[in-house]
């Protein structure tokens, strides 16, 4: 059983069951049993900084909320849904494992009103910060809205500015606008060269997106709230005067969440680790060709990402470190 658990931490359960010559259903039962037992003995008394996000389980808007310890880099809690009640469930689970919700100092989230409400109710002393990834993603979304609308309503003007009707050139432009300049290919550099010299709305939208990135860079370099606040307020003013509706809405959103955005700029913590783990979960789901049972998906997440200390040890791992046996020998 210990070997089966070790295989399941790397392989889809169906493949691990085939190697162990057992039915997948039986192996799923063992996973749930041992994960539940190991979590019951898990200690969360030292948790102070958490990252909260959601990830999809299957089509049809089925999501789970995941809570990670940003210091220990491990999954603490996963539950179906993505509303404020999920964080109340986390607070109860935290108490059951020796932690105290009142001692959580920091929570990093996206701009979800549901999570903000849940933190206010369940983690009252936690300061909220909004992750850079999500804020810049909102700017990318706004830029794409401007580009799509301009291509739909003024396609002739875009082709005239580009000097070509070549679809490949326009496609290179699409991908180049979403990437950082150091990552551009030669073809994308050519496409962006004419864009930056044009008077298109798409050019202004791209400059505004890059301007937000520069605000984050300036805040990180100065590590000063006054400097960060001044730079961000200038960008918000620019966005609200841009005559681009998606960026006007984004400027209003950032201003409404100003304190959390500034904390996300300055405290050095982000949900980058959480996003990476979500990516691994999606890879797990793809390799398994989906999960019919939500409890099974959550159990695999705990098995692979919670760093549980009370699982059965892999019998194939040597008790003596490999380096010891390789470099030191005992002679009779």
C-alpha atoms as a PDB file:
ATOM      1  CA  UNK A   1       0.000   0.000   0.000  1.00  0.00           C
ATOM      2  CA  UNK A   2       2.854   2.389   0.771  1.00  0.00           C
ATOM      3  CA  UNK A   3       4.369   1.700  -2.638  1.00  0.00           C
ATOM      4  CA  UNK A   4       0.973   2.271  -4.256  1.00  0.00           C
ATOM      5  CA  UNK A   5       0.662   5.663  -2.551  1.00  0.00           C
ATOM      6  CA  UNK A   6       4.141   6.615  -3.722  1.00  0.00           C
ATOM      7  CA  UNK A   7       3.255   5.678  -7.288  1.00  0.00           C
ATOM      8  CA  UNK A   8       0.046   7.720  -7.110  1.00  0.00           C
ATOM      9  CA  UNK A   9       2.022  10.804  -6.117  1.00  0.00           C
ATOM     10  CA  UNK A  10       3.684  10.669  -9.549  1.00  0.00           C
ATOM     11  CA  UNK A  11       1.344   8.714 -11.854  1.00  0.00           C
ATOM     12  CA  UNK A  12      -2.355   8.713 -12.666  1.00  0.00           C
ATOM     13  CA  UNK A  13      -4.127   6.328 -10.301  1.00  0.00           C
ATOM     14  CA  UNK A  14      -5.239   4.090 -13.149  1.00  0.00           C
ATOM     15  CA  UNK A  15      -1.611   3.533 -14.217  1.00  0.00           C
ATOM     16  CA  UNK A  16      -0.470   2.997 -10.632  1.00  0.00           C
ATOM     17  CA  UNK A  17      -3.273   0.453 -10.107  1.00  0.00           C
ATOM     18  CA  UNK A  18      -2.228  -1.382 -13.289  1.00  0.00           C
ATOM     19  CA  UNK A  19       1.370  -1.608 -12.040  1.00  0.00           C
ATOM     20  CA  UNK A  20       0.226  -2.936  -8.664  1.00  0.00           C
ATOM     21  CA  UNK A  21      -2.324  -5.244 -10.346  1.00  0.00           C
ATOM     22  CA  UNK A  22      -5.228  -3.973  -8.278  1.00  0.00           C
ATOM     23  CA  UNK A  23      -8.531  -2.317  -9.189  1.00  0.00           C
ATOM     24  CA  UNK A  24      -8.369   1.510  -9.362  1.00  0.00           C
ATOM     25  CA  UNK A  25     -11.395   1.714  -7.072  1.00  0.00           C
ATOM     26  CA  UNK A  26      -9.500  -0.157  -4.344  1.00  0.00           C
ATOM     27  CA  UNK A  27      -6.484   2.117  -4.686  1.00  0.00           C
ATOM     28  CA  UNK A  28      -8.706   5.216  -4.490  1.00  0.00           C
ATOM     29  CA  UNK A  29     -10.105   3.889  -1.222  1.00  0.00           C
ATOM     30  CA  UNK A  30      -6.592   3.475   0.193  1.00  0.00           C
ATOM     31  CA  UNK A  31      -5.607   6.992  -0.910  1.00  0.00           C
ATOM     32  CA  UNK A  32      -8.609   8.563   0.805  1.00  0.00           C
ATOM     33  CA  UNK A  33      -8.036   6.489   3.952  1.00  0.00           C
ATOM     34  CA  UNK A  34      -4.355   7.339   4.385  1.00  0.00           C
ATOM     35  CA  UNK A  35      -4.696  10.995   3.351  1.00  0.00           C
ATOM     36  CA  UNK A  36      -7.541  11.460   5.836  1.00  0.00           C
ATOM     37  CA  UNK A  37      -5.488   9.859   8.602  1.00  0.00           C
ATOM     38  CA  UNK A  38      -2.378  11.900   7.800  1.00  0.00           C
ATOM     39  CA  UNK A  39      -4.326  15.169   7.675  1.00  0.00           C
ATOM     40  CA  UNK A  40      -5.958  14.391  11.024  1.00  0.00           C
ATOM     41  CA  UNK A  41      -2.455  14.465  12.563  1.00  0.00           C
ATOM     42  CA  UNK A  42      -1.262  17.482  10.552  1.00  0.00           C
ATOM     43  CA  UNK A  43      -0.096  20.554  12.501  1.00  0.00           C
ATOM     44  CA  UNK A  44      -1.106  24.004  11.226  1.00  0.00           C
ATOM     45  CA  UNK A  45      -0.281  25.993  14.350  1.00  0.00           C
ATOM     46  CA  UNK A  46       2.504  27.927  12.599  1.00  0.00           C
ATOM     47  CA  UNK A  47       0.490  29.169   9.620  1.00  0.00           C
ATOM     48  CA  UNK A  48       0.634  32.968   9.237  1.00  0.00           C
ATOM     49  CA  UNK A  49       0.589  33.730   5.503  1.00  0.00           C
ATOM     50  CA  UNK A  50      -1.854  32.112   3.083  1.00  0.00           C
ATOM     51  CA  UNK A  51      -2.559  32.287  -0.620  1.00  0.00           C
ATOM     52  CA  UNK A  52      -6.107  31.626  -1.787  1.00  0.00           C
ATOM     53  CA  UNK A  53      -7.289  30.800  -5.293  1.00  0.00           C
ATOM     54  CA  UNK A  54      -9.714  28.623  -7.211  1.00  0.00           C
ATOM     55  CA  UNK A  55      -9.101  25.967  -9.845  1.00  0.00           C
ATOM     56  CA  UNK A  56     -11.504  24.182 -12.157  1.00  0.00           C
ATOM     57  CA  UNK A  57     -12.327  20.530 -11.718  1.00  0.00           C
ATOM     58  CA  UNK A  58     -14.417  19.859 -14.808  1.00  0.00           C
ATOM     59  CA  UNK A  59     -16.465  21.632 -17.417  1.00  0.00           C
ATOM     60  CA  UNK A  60     -19.665  23.288 -16.332  1.00  0.00           C
ATOM     61  CA  UNK A  61     -18.112  25.789 -13.900  1.00  0.00           C
ATOM     62  CA  UNK A  62     -17.183  23.227 -11.234  1.00  0.00           C
ATOM     63  CA  UNK A  63     -14.470  24.740  -9.035  1.00  0.00           C
ATOM     64  CA  UNK A  64     -12.629  24.058  -5.818  1.00  0.00           C
ATOM     65  CA  UNK A  65     -11.031  26.639  -3.542  1.00  0.00           C
ATOM     66  CA  UNK A  66      -7.438  25.932  -2.503  1.00  0.00           C
ATOM     67  CA  UNK A  67      -5.583  27.539   0.413  1.00  0.00           C
ATOM     68  CA  UNK A  68      -1.778  27.297   0.504  1.00  0.00           C
ATOM     69  CA  UNK A  69       0.772  28.152   3.172  1.00  0.00           C
ATOM     70  CA  UNK A  70       2.999  30.694   1.404  1.00  0.00           C
ATOM     71  CA  UNK A  71       5.909  30.103   3.802  1.00  0.00           C
ATOM     72  CA  UNK A  72       5.923  26.300   3.970  1.00  0.00           C
ATOM     73  CA  UNK A  73       4.907  26.041   0.288  1.00  0.00           C
ATOM     74  CA  UNK A  74       2.221  23.431   0.820  1.00  0.00           C
ATOM     75  CA  UNK A  75      -1.498  22.909   0.364  1.00  0.00           C
ATOM     76  CA  UNK A  76      -3.464  23.424   3.579  1.00  0.00           C
ATOM     77  CA  UNK A  77      -7.066  23.074   2.521  1.00  0.00           C
ATOM     78  CA  UNK A  78      -9.241  22.340  -0.512  1.00  0.00           C
ATOM     79  CA  UNK A  79     -13.020  22.356  -0.719  1.00  0.00           C
ATOM     80  CA  UNK A  80     -15.712  22.526  -3.423  1.00  0.00           C
ATOM     81  CA  UNK A  81     -16.995  25.976  -4.381  1.00  0.00           C
ATOM     82  CA  UNK A  82     -15.517  29.455  -4.582  1.00  0.00           C
ATOM     83  CA  UNK A  83     -17.781  31.586  -2.384  1.00  0.00           C
ATOM     84  CA  UNK A  84     -17.162  33.209   1.004  1.00  0.00           C
ATOM     85  CA  UNK A  85     -18.361  30.085   2.840  1.00  0.00           C
ATOM     86  CA  UNK A  86     -15.261  28.197   1.658  1.00  0.00           C
ATOM     87  CA  UNK A  87     -13.069  30.387   3.876  1.00  0.00           C
ATOM     88  CA  UNK A  88     -15.330  29.807   6.858  1.00  0.00           C
ATOM     89  CA  UNK A  89     -14.798  26.091   6.241  1.00  0.00           C
ATOM     90  CA  UNK A  90     -11.028  26.728   6.113  1.00  0.00           C
ATOM     91  CA  UNK A  91     -11.138  28.544   9.465  1.00  0.00           C
ATOM     92  CA  UNK A  92     -12.887  25.555  11.038  1.00  0.00           C
ATOM     93  CA  UNK A  93     -10.356  23.150   9.523  1.00  0.00           C
ATOM     94  CA  UNK A  94      -7.496  25.358  10.726  1.00  0.00           C
ATOM     95  CA  UNK A  95      -8.800  25.228  14.310  1.00  0.00           C
ATOM     96  CA  UNK A  96      -9.118  21.448  14.064  1.00  0.00           C
ATOM     97  CA  UNK A  97      -5.395  21.241  13.225  1.00  0.00           C
ATOM     98  CA  UNK A  98      -4.070  23.472  15.990  1.00  0.00           C
ATOM     99  CA  UNK A  99      -4.136  26.784  14.134  1.00  0.00           C
ATOM    100  CA  UNK A 100      -5.971  29.990  14.974  1.00  0.00           C
ATOM    101  CA  UNK A 101      -7.701  32.068  12.285  1.00  0.00           C
ATOM    102  CA  UNK A 102      -6.997  35.212  14.336  1.00  0.00           C
ATOM    103  CA  UNK A 103      -3.239  34.609  13.936  1.00  0.00           C
ATOM    104  CA  UNK A 104      -3.327  34.673  10.122  1.00  0.00           C
ATOM    105  CA  UNK A 105      -1.520  37.916   9.282  1.00  0.00           C
ATOM    106  CA  UNK A 106      -1.710  38.010   5.505  1.00  0.00           C
ATOM    107  CA  UNK A 107      -3.928  36.625   2.735  1.00  0.00           C
ATOM    108  CA  UNK A 108      -3.046  36.957  -0.949  1.00  0.00           C
ATOM    109  CA  UNK A 109      -6.014  36.666  -3.329  1.00  0.00           C
ATOM    110  CA  UNK A 110      -7.324  37.807  -6.687  1.00  0.00           C
ATOM    111  CA  UNK A 111      -9.934  40.574  -6.808  1.00  0.00           C
ATOM    112  CA  UNK A 112     -12.737  38.231  -5.833  1.00  0.00           C
ATOM    113  CA  UNK A 113     -15.459  39.932  -3.789  1.00  0.00           C
ATOM    114  CA  UNK A 114     -16.469  36.537  -2.391  1.00  0.00           C
ATOM    115  CA  UNK A 115     -12.969  35.824  -1.041  1.00  0.00           C
ATOM    116  CA  UNK A 116     -12.661  39.356   0.354  1.00  0.00           C
ATOM    117  CA  UNK A 117     -15.955  38.860   2.211  1.00  0.00           C
ATOM    118  CA  UNK A 118     -14.831  35.445   3.468  1.00  0.00           C
ATOM    119  CA  UNK A 119     -11.542  36.847   4.787  1.00  0.00           C
ATOM    120  CA  UNK A 120     -13.343  39.667   6.592  1.00  0.00           C
ATOM    121  CA  UNK A 121     -15.618  37.150   8.310  1.00  0.00           C
ATOM    122  CA  UNK A 122     -13.322  34.172   8.917  1.00  0.00           C
ATOM    123  CA  UNK A 123      -9.801  35.705   9.075  1.00  0.00           C
ATOM    124  CA  UNK A 124     -10.523  39.105  10.644  1.00  0.00           C
ATOM    125  CA  UNK A 125      -6.928  40.112  11.386  1.00  0.00           C
ATOM    126  CA  UNK A 126      -5.480  39.184   7.984  1.00  0.00           C
ATOM    127  CA  UNK A 127      -4.297  41.956   5.698  1.00  0.00           C
ATOM    128  CA  UNK A 128      -5.404  41.404   2.113  1.00  0.00           C
ATOM    129  CA  UNK A 129      -3.091  41.850  -0.846  1.00  0.00           C
ATOM    130  CA  UNK A 130      -3.967  41.431  -4.490  1.00  0.00           C
ATOM    131  CA  UNK A 131      -1.562  39.344  -6.449  1.00  0.00           C
ATOM    132  CA  UNK A 132       0.421  41.018  -9.244  1.00  0.00           C
ATOM    133  CA  UNK A 133      -0.383  38.164 -11.625  1.00  0.00           C
ATOM    134  CA  UNK A 134      -4.117  38.812 -11.401  1.00  0.00           C
ATOM    135  CA  UNK A 135      -3.860  42.616 -11.634  1.00  0.00           C
ATOM    136  CA  UNK A 136      -1.681  42.454 -14.756  1.00  0.00           C
ATOM    137  CA  UNK A 137      -3.987  39.753 -16.153  1.00  0.00           C
ATOM    138  CA  UNK A 138      -6.863  42.242 -15.852  1.00  0.00           C
ATOM    139  CA  UNK A 139      -4.799  44.730 -17.870  1.00  0.00           C
ATOM    140  CA  UNK A 140      -4.156  42.062 -20.520  1.00  0.00           C
ATOM    141  CA  UNK A 141      -7.882  41.337 -20.679  1.00  0.00           C
ATOM    142  CA  UNK A 142      -8.657  45.041 -21.102  1.00  0.00           C
ATOM    143  CA  UNK A 143      -6.043  45.309 -23.858  1.00  0.00           C
ATOM    144  CA  UNK A 144      -7.532  42.314 -25.682  1.00  0.00           C
ATOM    145  CA  UNK A 145     -10.997  43.874 -25.481  1.00  0.00           C
ATOM    146  CA  UNK A 146      -9.712  47.059 -27.117  1.00  0.00           C
ATOM    147  CA  UNK A 147      -7.860  45.115 -29.822  1.00  0.00           C
ATOM    148  CA  UNK A 148     -10.827  42.881 -30.671  1.00  0.00           C
ATOM    149  CA  UNK A 149     -13.253  45.806 -30.845  1.00  0.00           C
ATOM    150  CA  UNK A 150     -10.900  47.768 -33.091  1.00  0.00           C
ATOM    151  CA  UNK A 151     -10.380  44.799 -35.408  1.00  0.00           C
ATOM    152  CA  UNK A 152     -14.145  44.328 -35.604  1.00  0.00           C
ATOM    153  CA  UNK A 153     -15.167  47.949 -36.122  1.00  0.00           C
ATOM    154  CA  UNK A 154     -12.143  49.404 -37.945  1.00  0.00           C
ATOM    155  CA  UNK A 155     -10.396  46.502 -39.654  1.00  0.00           C
ATOM    156  CA  UNK A 156      -9.526  48.607 -42.700  1.00  0.00           C
ATOM    157  CA  UNK A 157      -7.763  51.212 -40.552  1.00  0.00           C
ATOM    158  CA  UNK A 158      -5.733  48.487 -38.815  1.00  0.00           C
ATOM    159  CA  UNK A 159      -4.653  46.970 -42.147  1.00  0.00           C
ATOM    160  CA  UNK A 160      -3.779  50.402 -43.484  1.00  0.00           C
ATOM    161  CA  UNK A 161      -1.657  51.173 -40.422  1.00  0.00           C
ATOM    162  CA  UNK A 162       0.039  47.797 -40.749  1.00  0.00           C
ATOM    163  CA  UNK A 163       0.688  48.408 -44.445  1.00  0.00           C
ATOM    164  CA  UNK A 164      -0.446  44.861 -45.180  1.00  0.00           C
ATOM    165  CA  UNK A 165      -3.501  42.660 -45.089  1.00  0.00           C
ATOM    166  CA  UNK A 166      -1.399  39.605 -44.324  1.00  0.00           C
ATOM    167  CA  UNK A 167      -3.159  37.534 -41.664  1.00  0.00           C
ATOM    168  CA  UNK A 168       0.179  36.189 -40.430  1.00  0.00           C
ATOM    169  CA  UNK A 169       1.349  39.706 -39.593  1.00  0.00           C
ATOM    170  CA  UNK A 170      -1.848  40.409 -37.682  1.00  0.00           C
ATOM    171  CA  UNK A 171      -1.502  37.100 -35.861  1.00  0.00           C
ATOM    172  CA  UNK A 172       2.081  37.967 -34.874  1.00  0.00           C
ATOM    173  CA  UNK A 173       0.733  41.241 -33.521  1.00  0.00           C
ATOM    174  CA  UNK A 174      -1.854  39.405 -31.410  1.00  0.00           C
ATOM    175  CA  UNK A 175       0.758  37.268 -29.647  1.00  0.00           C
ATOM    176  CA  UNK A 176       3.363  40.029 -29.372  1.00  0.00           C
ATOM    177  CA  UNK A 177       0.956  42.340 -27.530  1.00  0.00           C
ATOM    178  CA  UNK A 178       0.500  39.687 -24.836  1.00  0.00           C
ATOM    179  CA  UNK A 179       4.212  39.061 -24.312  1.00  0.00           C
ATOM    180  CA  UNK A 180       7.047  41.048 -22.787  1.00  0.00           C
ATOM    181  CA  UNK A 181       9.372  42.708 -25.356  1.00  0.00           C
ATOM    182  CA  UNK A 182      12.408  40.500 -24.499  1.00  0.00           C
ATOM    183  CA  UNK A 183      10.326  37.481 -25.507  1.00  0.00           C
ATOM    184  CA  UNK A 184       9.411  38.745 -28.975  1.00  0.00           C
ATOM    185  CA  UNK A 185      10.489  36.777 -32.019  1.00  0.00           C
ATOM    186  CA  UNK A 186      11.935  38.675 -35.023  1.00  0.00           C
ATOM    187  CA  UNK A 187       8.544  38.523 -36.777  1.00  0.00           C
ATOM    188  CA  UNK A 188       6.817  39.877 -33.672  1.00  0.00           C
ATOM    189  CA  UNK A 189       9.371  42.680 -33.417  1.00  0.00           C
ATOM    190  CA  UNK A 190       8.467  43.710 -36.971  1.00  0.00           C
ATOM    191  CA  UNK A 191       4.746  43.608 -36.169  1.00  0.00           C
ATOM    192  CA  UNK A 192       5.175  45.695 -33.016  1.00  0.00           C
ATOM    193  CA  UNK A 193       7.447  48.188 -34.791  1.00  0.00           C
ATOM    194  CA  UNK A 194       4.585  49.589 -36.884  1.00  0.00           C
ATOM    195  CA  UNK A 195       2.078  49.308 -34.025  1.00  0.00           C
ATOM    196  CA  UNK A 196       4.119  51.604 -31.771  1.00  0.00           C
ATOM    197  CA  UNK A 197       4.265  54.206 -34.548  1.00  0.00           C
ATOM    198  CA  UNK A 198       0.552  54.065 -35.329  1.00  0.00           C
ATOM    199  CA  UNK A 199      -2.296  56.035 -33.807  1.00  0.00           C
ATOM    200  CA  UNK A 200      -4.448  52.962 -33.221  1.00  0.00           C
ATOM    201  CA  UNK A 201      -6.374  52.384 -30.005  1.00  0.00           C
ATOM    202  CA  UNK A 202      -4.590  49.031 -29.758  1.00  0.00           C
ATOM    203  CA  UNK A 203      -1.258  50.867 -29.530  1.00  0.00           C
ATOM    204  CA  UNK A 204      -2.522  53.010 -26.644  1.00  0.00           C
ATOM    205  CA  UNK A 205      -3.926  49.930 -24.916  1.00  0.00           C
ATOM    206  CA  UNK A 206      -0.582  48.135 -25.204  1.00  0.00           C
ATOM    207  CA  UNK A 207       1.286  51.152 -23.805  1.00  0.00           C
ATOM    208  CA  UNK A 208      -1.099  51.297 -20.856  1.00  0.00           C
ATOM    209  CA  UNK A 209      -0.602  47.627 -20.105  1.00  0.00           C
ATOM    210  CA  UNK A 210       3.171  48.091 -20.242  1.00  0.00           C
ATOM    211  CA  UNK A 211       2.816  51.193 -18.070  1.00  0.00           C
ATOM    212  CA  UNK A 212       1.197  49.119 -15.336  1.00  0.00           C
ATOM    213  CA  UNK A 213       4.093  46.682 -15.482  1.00  0.00           C
ATOM    214  CA  UNK A 214       6.496  49.602 -15.078  1.00  0.00           C
ATOM    215  CA  UNK A 215       4.579  50.763 -12.000  1.00  0.00           C
ATOM    216  CA  UNK A 216       5.166  47.344 -10.419  1.00  0.00           C
ATOM    217  CA  UNK A 217       8.828  47.467 -11.374  1.00  0.00           C
ATOM    218  CA  UNK A 218       9.253  50.955  -9.885  1.00  0.00           C
ATOM    219  CA  UNK A 219       7.509  49.904  -6.662  1.00  0.00           C
ATOM    220  CA  UNK A 220       9.776  46.862  -6.312  1.00  0.00           C
ATOM    221  CA  UNK A 221      12.908  48.936  -6.939  1.00  0.00           C
ATOM    222  CA  UNK A 222      11.993  51.654  -4.426  1.00  0.00           C
ATOM    223  CA  UNK A 223      10.256  49.458  -1.806  1.00  0.00           C
ATOM    224  CA  UNK A 224       8.549  52.664  -0.681  1.00  0.00           C
ATOM    225  CA  UNK A 225       4.787  52.974  -0.250  1.00  0.00           C
ATOM    226  CA  UNK A 226       4.786  56.690  -1.073  1.00  0.00           C
ATOM    227  CA  UNK A 227       6.614  56.136  -4.369  1.00  0.00           C
ATOM    228  CA  UNK A 228       4.400  53.157  -5.246  1.00  0.00           C
ATOM    229  CA  UNK A 229       1.214  55.034  -4.402  1.00  0.00           C
ATOM    230  CA  UNK A 230       2.249  58.064  -6.477  1.00  0.00           C
ATOM    231  CA  UNK A 231       3.142  55.951  -9.517  1.00  0.00           C
ATOM    232  CA  UNK A 232      -0.048  53.901  -9.268  1.00  0.00           C
ATOM    233  CA  UNK A 233      -2.281  56.973  -8.891  1.00  0.00           C
ATOM    234  CA  UNK A 234      -0.691  58.490 -12.016  1.00  0.00           C
ATOM    235  CA  UNK A 235      -1.446  55.279 -13.923  1.00  0.00           C
ATOM    236  CA  UNK A 236      -5.056  55.248 -12.633  1.00  0.00           C
ATOM    237  CA  UNK A 237      -5.488  58.867 -13.779  1.00  0.00           C
ATOM    238  CA  UNK A 238      -4.068  57.960 -17.190  1.00  0.00           C
ATOM    239  CA  UNK A 239      -6.422  54.977 -17.480  1.00  0.00           C
ATOM    240  CA  UNK A 240      -9.500  56.969 -16.543  1.00  0.00           C
ATOM    241  CA  UNK A 241      -8.671  59.686 -19.092  1.00  0.00           C
ATOM    242  CA  UNK A 242      -7.781  57.219 -21.861  1.00  0.00           C
ATOM    243  CA  UNK A 243     -11.210  57.153 -23.581  1.00  0.00           C
ATOM    244  CA  UNK A 244     -10.804  53.359 -23.684  1.00  0.00           C
ATOM    245  CA  UNK A 245     -13.757  51.892 -21.788  1.00  0.00           C
ATOM    246  CA  UNK A 246     -12.028  48.647 -20.656  1.00  0.00           C
ATOM    247  CA  UNK A 247      -9.157  50.655 -19.138  1.00  0.00           C
ATOM    248  CA  UNK A 248     -11.505  53.190 -17.578  1.00  0.00           C
ATOM    249  CA  UNK A 249     -13.240  50.300 -15.803  1.00  0.00           C
ATOM    250  CA  UNK A 250      -9.895  48.801 -14.814  1.00  0.00           C
ATOM    251  CA  UNK A 251      -8.703  52.133 -13.389  1.00  0.00           C
ATOM    252  CA  UNK A 252     -11.855  52.349 -11.264  1.00  0.00           C
ATOM    253  CA  UNK A 253     -11.364  48.747 -10.088  1.00  0.00           C
ATOM    254  CA  UNK A 254      -7.727  49.317  -9.096  1.00  0.00           C
ATOM    255  CA  UNK A 255      -8.641  52.521  -7.250  1.00  0.00           C
ATOM    256  CA  UNK A 256     -11.414  50.700  -5.356  1.00  0.00           C
ATOM    257  CA  UNK A 257      -8.875  48.071  -4.220  1.00  0.00           C
ATOM    258  CA  UNK A 258      -5.944  50.473  -3.817  1.00  0.00           C
ATOM    259  CA  UNK A 259      -4.740  49.304  -0.392  1.00  0.00           C
ATOM    260  CA  UNK A 260      -4.599  45.642  -1.360  1.00  0.00           C
ATOM    261  CA  UNK A 261      -2.902  46.393  -4.680  1.00  0.00           C
ATOM    262  CA  UNK A 262      -0.214  48.459  -2.932  1.00  0.00           C
ATOM    263  CA  UNK A 263       0.404  45.678  -0.391  1.00  0.00           C
ATOM    264  CA  UNK A 264       0.755  43.255  -3.274  1.00  0.00           C
ATOM    265  CA  UNK A 265       3.395  45.553  -4.794  1.00  0.00           C
ATOM    266  CA  UNK A 266       5.448  45.976  -1.646  1.00  0.00           C
ATOM    267  CA  UNK A 267       5.249  42.921   0.594  1.00  0.00           C
ATOM    268  CA  UNK A 268       7.096  40.603  -1.792  1.00  0.00           C
ATOM    269  CA  UNK A 269       4.512  37.843  -1.477  1.00  0.00           C
ATOM    270  CA  UNK A 270       2.420  36.637  -4.362  1.00  0.00           C
ATOM    271  CA  UNK A 271       0.287  33.749  -5.498  1.00  0.00           C
ATOM    272  CA  UNK A 272       2.901  32.649  -8.029  1.00  0.00           C
ATOM    273  CA  UNK A 273       3.412  29.410  -6.081  1.00  0.00           C
ATOM    274  CA  UNK A 274      -0.354  28.878  -5.852  1.00  0.00           C
ATOM    275  CA  UNK A 275      -0.721  29.411  -9.605  1.00  0.00           C
ATOM    276  CA  UNK A 276       2.102  26.933 -10.243  1.00  0.00           C
ATOM    277  CA  UNK A 277       0.389  24.341  -8.058  1.00  0.00           C
ATOM    278  CA  UNK A 278      -2.906  24.971  -9.847  1.00  0.00           C
ATOM    279  CA  UNK A 279      -1.080  24.279 -13.090  1.00  0.00           C
ATOM    280  CA  UNK A 280       0.155  20.976 -11.694  1.00  0.00           C
ATOM    281  CA  UNK A 281      -3.382  20.097 -10.625  1.00  0.00           C
ATOM    282  CA  UNK A 282      -4.620  20.770 -14.144  1.00  0.00           C
ATOM    283  CA  UNK A 283      -1.858  18.553 -15.530  1.00  0.00           C
ATOM    284  CA  UNK A 284      -2.920  15.847 -13.078  1.00  0.00           C
ATOM    285  CA  UNK A 285      -6.507  16.195 -14.262  1.00  0.00           C
ATOM    286  CA  UNK A 286      -5.448  16.003 -17.915  1.00  0.00           C
ATOM    287  CA  UNK A 287      -3.267  12.924 -17.338  1.00  0.00           C
ATOM    288  CA  UNK A 288      -6.141  11.209 -15.529  1.00  0.00           C
ATOM    289  CA  UNK A 289      -8.568  12.318 -18.283  1.00  0.00           C
ATOM    290  CA  UNK A 290     -10.712  14.037 -15.719  1.00  0.00           C
ATOM    291  CA  UNK A 291     -12.138  13.126 -12.327  1.00  0.00           C
ATOM    292  CA  UNK A 292     -15.708  11.958 -11.879  1.00  0.00           C
ATOM    293  CA  UNK A 293     -15.435  12.104  -8.095  1.00  0.00           C
ATOM    294  CA  UNK A 294     -14.601  15.467  -6.547  1.00  0.00           C
ATOM    295  CA  UNK A 295     -13.376  13.825  -3.323  1.00  0.00           C
ATOM    296  CA  UNK A 296     -10.828  11.858  -5.339  1.00  0.00           C
ATOM    297  CA  UNK A 297      -9.500  15.033  -6.958  1.00  0.00           C
ATOM    298  CA  UNK A 298      -9.087  16.703  -3.565  1.00  0.00           C
ATOM    299  CA  UNK A 299      -7.446  13.586  -2.094  1.00  0.00           C
ATOM    300  CA  UNK A 300      -4.834  13.537  -4.873  1.00  0.00           C
ATOM    301  CA  UNK A 301      -4.207  17.249  -4.331  1.00  0.00           C
ATOM    302  CA  UNK A 302      -3.490  16.619  -0.636  1.00  0.00           C
ATOM    303  CA  UNK A 303      -1.322  13.586  -1.458  1.00  0.00           C
ATOM    304  CA  UNK A 304       0.864  15.495  -3.887  1.00  0.00           C
ATOM    305  CA  UNK A 305       0.995  19.019  -2.457  1.00  0.00           C
ATOM    306  CA  UNK A 306       0.397  18.983   1.301  1.00  0.00           C
ATOM    307  CA  UNK A 307       3.777  17.524   2.317  1.00  0.00           C
ATOM    308  CA  UNK A 308       1.990  15.227   4.785  1.00  0.00           C
ATOM    309  CA  UNK A 309       4.418  13.716   7.298  1.00  0.00           C
ATOM    310  CA  UNK A 310       2.306  10.806   8.507  1.00  0.00           C
ATOM    311  CA  UNK A 311       1.804   8.839   5.315  1.00  0.00           C
ATOM    312  CA  UNK A 312       3.289   5.325   5.030  1.00  0.00           C
ATOM    313  CA  UNK A 313       6.896   5.547   3.899  1.00  0.00           C
ATOM    314  CA  UNK A 314       7.902   4.293   0.481  1.00  0.00           C
ATOM    315  CA  UNK A 315       9.538   0.879   1.077  1.00  0.00           C
ATOM    316  CA  UNK A 316      11.776   1.315  -1.981  1.00  0.00           C
ATOM    317  CA  UNK A 317      13.585   4.346  -0.502  1.00  0.00           C
ATOM    318  CA  UNK A 318      16.816   3.249   1.265  1.00  0.00           C
ATOM    319  CA  UNK A 319      17.086   3.982   4.962  1.00  0.00           C
ATOM    320  CA  UNK A 320      20.755   5.003   4.518  1.00  0.00           C
ATOM    321  CA  UNK A 321      21.334   8.054   2.285  1.00  0.00           C
ATOM    322  CA  UNK A 322      22.713   7.128  -1.116  1.00  0.00           C
ATOM    323  CA  UNK A 323      25.712   9.426  -0.666  1.00  0.00           C
ATOM    324  CA  UNK A 324      26.708   7.544   2.474  1.00  0.00           C
ATOM    325  CA  UNK A 325      26.844   4.193   0.733  1.00  0.00           C
ATOM    326  CA  UNK A 326      28.517   5.608  -2.344  1.00  0.00           C
ATOM    327  CA  UNK A 327      31.415   7.415  -0.698  1.00  0.00           C
ATOM    328  CA  UNK A 328      31.929   5.583   2.589  1.00  0.00           C
ATOM    329  CA  UNK A 329      32.440   1.844   2.919  1.00  0.00           C
ATOM    330  CA  UNK A 330      32.678  -0.302   5.998  1.00  0.00           C
ATOM    331  CA  UNK A 331      35.402  -2.919   5.761  1.00  0.00           C
ATOM    332  CA  UNK A 332      35.306  -6.167   7.715  1.00  0.00           C
END
